[in-house]
Amino acid sequence: MVKIRLTRIGAHKRPFYRVVVADSRARRDGPFIEIIGTYDPLKNPSEVKLDQEKVKLWMQRGAQPTHIVKKLLQRAGM
């Protein structure tokens, strides 16, 4: 199954995440299919940037967002 999930790329105690499309069996920071956005929890308020067209395309293809990504999609107005 293909999932839309977060992968961490930030430094120690400085989290920064990419929103990626990846196989559900892959490691958290392992191989992914495509980058579709970013999430920066340290900014006040936290910043979510998503390519809405790509998100819609992958969800039409059957990709399932994780629980956290669902919340981020709602925050982004999708």
C-alpha atoms as a PDB file:
ATOM      1  CA  MET A   1       0.000   0.000   0.000  1.00  0.00           C
ATOM      2  CA  VAL A   2       1.157   3.525  -0.739  1.00  0.00           C
ATOM      3  CA  LYS A   3       1.040   6.038   2.116  1.00  0.00           C
ATOM      4  CA  ILE A   4       1.339   9.806   2.367  1.00  0.00           C
ATOM      5  CA  ARG A   5       3.509  10.356   5.439  1.00  0.00           C
ATOM      6  CA  LEU A   6       6.209  12.453   7.094  1.00  0.00           C
ATOM      7  CA  THR A   7       9.933  11.868   6.857  1.00  0.00           C
ATOM      8  CA  ARG A   8      12.273  13.752   9.182  1.00  0.00           C
ATOM      9  CA  ILE A   9      15.180  15.704   7.716  1.00  0.00           C
ATOM     10  CA  GLY A  10      15.913  18.155  10.539  1.00  0.00           C
ATOM     11  CA  ALA A  11      18.967  18.276  12.781  1.00  0.00           C
ATOM     12  CA  HIS A  12      19.120  17.142  16.411  1.00  0.00           C
ATOM     13  CA  LYS A  13      16.394  18.982  18.393  1.00  0.00           C
ATOM     14  CA  ARG A  14      15.503  20.987  15.245  1.00  0.00           C
ATOM     15  CA  PRO A  15      12.787  18.901  13.548  1.00  0.00           C
ATOM     16  CA  PHE A  16      11.798  19.597   9.959  1.00  0.00           C
ATOM     17  CA  TYR A  17       9.704  17.204   7.915  1.00  0.00           C
ATOM     18  CA  ARG A  18       8.949  16.432   4.285  1.00  0.00           C
ATOM     19  CA  VAL A  19       5.521  15.157   3.303  1.00  0.00           C
ATOM     20  CA  VAL A  20       6.245  12.249   0.978  1.00  0.00           C
ATOM     21  CA  VAL A  21       4.498   9.454  -0.873  1.00  0.00           C
ATOM     22  CA  ALA A  22       6.123   6.142   0.071  1.00  0.00           C
ATOM     23  CA  ASP A  23       5.499   2.415   0.198  1.00  0.00           C
ATOM     24  CA  SER A  24       4.081   1.520   3.617  1.00  0.00           C
ATOM     25  CA  ARG A  25       6.767  -1.144   4.092  1.00  0.00           C
ATOM     26  CA  ALA A  26       9.649   1.343   3.673  1.00  0.00           C
ATOM     27  CA  ARG A  27      11.495   2.836   6.646  1.00  0.00           C
ATOM     28  CA  ARG A  28      10.429   6.265   7.939  1.00  0.00           C
ATOM     29  CA  ASP A  29      13.462   8.013   6.435  1.00  0.00           C
ATOM     30  CA  GLY A  30      13.947   5.429   3.707  1.00  0.00           C
ATOM     31  CA  PRO A  31      13.133   5.492   0.018  1.00  0.00           C
ATOM     32  CA  PHE A  32      10.107   7.440  -1.165  1.00  0.00           C
ATOM     33  CA  ILE A  33       8.261   7.916  -4.443  1.00  0.00           C
ATOM     34  CA  GLU A  34       7.710  11.686  -4.468  1.00  0.00           C
ATOM     35  CA  ILE A  35       7.985  14.764  -2.231  1.00  0.00           C
ATOM     36  CA  ILE A  36       4.670  16.620  -2.072  1.00  0.00           C
ATOM     37  CA  GLY A  37       5.280  19.171   0.677  1.00  0.00           C
ATOM     38  CA  THR A  38       7.011  20.275   3.873  1.00  0.00           C
ATOM     39  CA  TYR A  39       6.098  20.778   7.531  1.00  0.00           C
ATOM     40  CA  ASP A  40       8.019  23.036   9.931  1.00  0.00           C
ATOM     41  CA  PRO A  41       6.728  22.635  13.511  1.00  0.00           C
ATOM     42  CA  LEU A  42       9.198  25.139  14.999  1.00  0.00           C
ATOM     43  CA  LYS A  43       7.735  28.234  13.366  1.00  0.00           C
ATOM     44  CA  ASN A  44       5.011  30.017  15.273  1.00  0.00           C
ATOM     45  CA  PRO A  45       2.420  29.137  14.006  1.00  0.00           C
ATOM     46  CA  SER A  46       3.728  25.941  12.430  1.00  0.00           C
ATOM     47  CA  GLU A  47       4.127  26.104   8.658  1.00  0.00           C
ATOM     48  CA  VAL A  48       2.656  23.549   6.239  1.00  0.00           C
ATOM     49  CA  LYS A  49       3.396  23.805   2.514  1.00  0.00           C
ATOM     50  CA  LEU A  50       1.704  21.268   0.241  1.00  0.00           C
ATOM     51  CA  ASP A  51       1.363  20.840  -3.503  1.00  0.00           C
ATOM     52  CA  GLN A  52      -2.411  20.352  -3.454  1.00  0.00           C
ATOM     53  CA  GLU A  53      -2.575  19.069  -7.021  1.00  0.00           C
ATOM     54  CA  LYS A  54      -0.090  16.279  -6.263  1.00  0.00           C
ATOM     55  CA  VAL A  55      -1.900  15.395  -3.032  1.00  0.00           C
ATOM     56  CA  LYS A  56      -5.219  15.061  -4.881  1.00  0.00           C
ATOM     57  CA  LEU A  57      -3.579  13.025  -7.648  1.00  0.00           C
ATOM     58  CA  TRP A  58      -2.005  10.547  -5.210  1.00  0.00           C
ATOM     59  CA  MET A  59      -5.190  10.210  -3.174  1.00  0.00           C
ATOM     60  CA  GLN A  60      -7.128   9.447  -6.376  1.00  0.00           C
ATOM     61  CA  ARG A  61      -4.548   6.748  -7.112  1.00  0.00           C
ATOM     62  CA  GLY A  62      -5.284   5.183  -3.720  1.00  0.00           C
ATOM     63  CA  ALA A  63      -2.588   6.599  -1.434  1.00  0.00           C
ATOM     64  CA  GLN A  64      -3.696   6.690   2.204  1.00  0.00           C
ATOM     65  CA  PRO A  65      -2.552   9.599   4.430  1.00  0.00           C
ATOM     66  CA  THR A  66      -1.355   8.793   7.943  1.00  0.00           C
ATOM     67  CA  HIS A  67      -3.190  10.215  10.960  1.00  0.00           C
ATOM     68  CA  ILE A  68      -0.789  13.147  11.364  1.00  0.00           C
ATOM     69  CA  VAL A  69      -0.844  13.956   7.649  1.00  0.00           C
ATOM     70  CA  LYS A  70      -4.674  13.984   7.733  1.00  0.00           C
ATOM     71  CA  LYS A  71      -4.476  16.698  10.399  1.00  0.00           C
ATOM     72  CA  LEU A  72      -1.979  18.670   8.311  1.00  0.00           C
ATOM     73  CA  LEU A  73      -4.217  18.386   5.237  1.00  0.00           C
ATOM     74  CA  GLN A  74      -7.150  19.733   7.250  1.00  0.00           C
ATOM     75  CA  ARG A  75      -4.998  22.597   8.518  1.00  0.00           C
ATOM     76  CA  ALA A  76      -3.981  23.382   4.924  1.00  0.00           C
ATOM     77  CA  GLY A  77      -7.665  23.502   3.906  1.00  0.00           C
ATOM     78  CA  MET A  78      -7.950  20.272   1.938  1.00  0.00           C
END
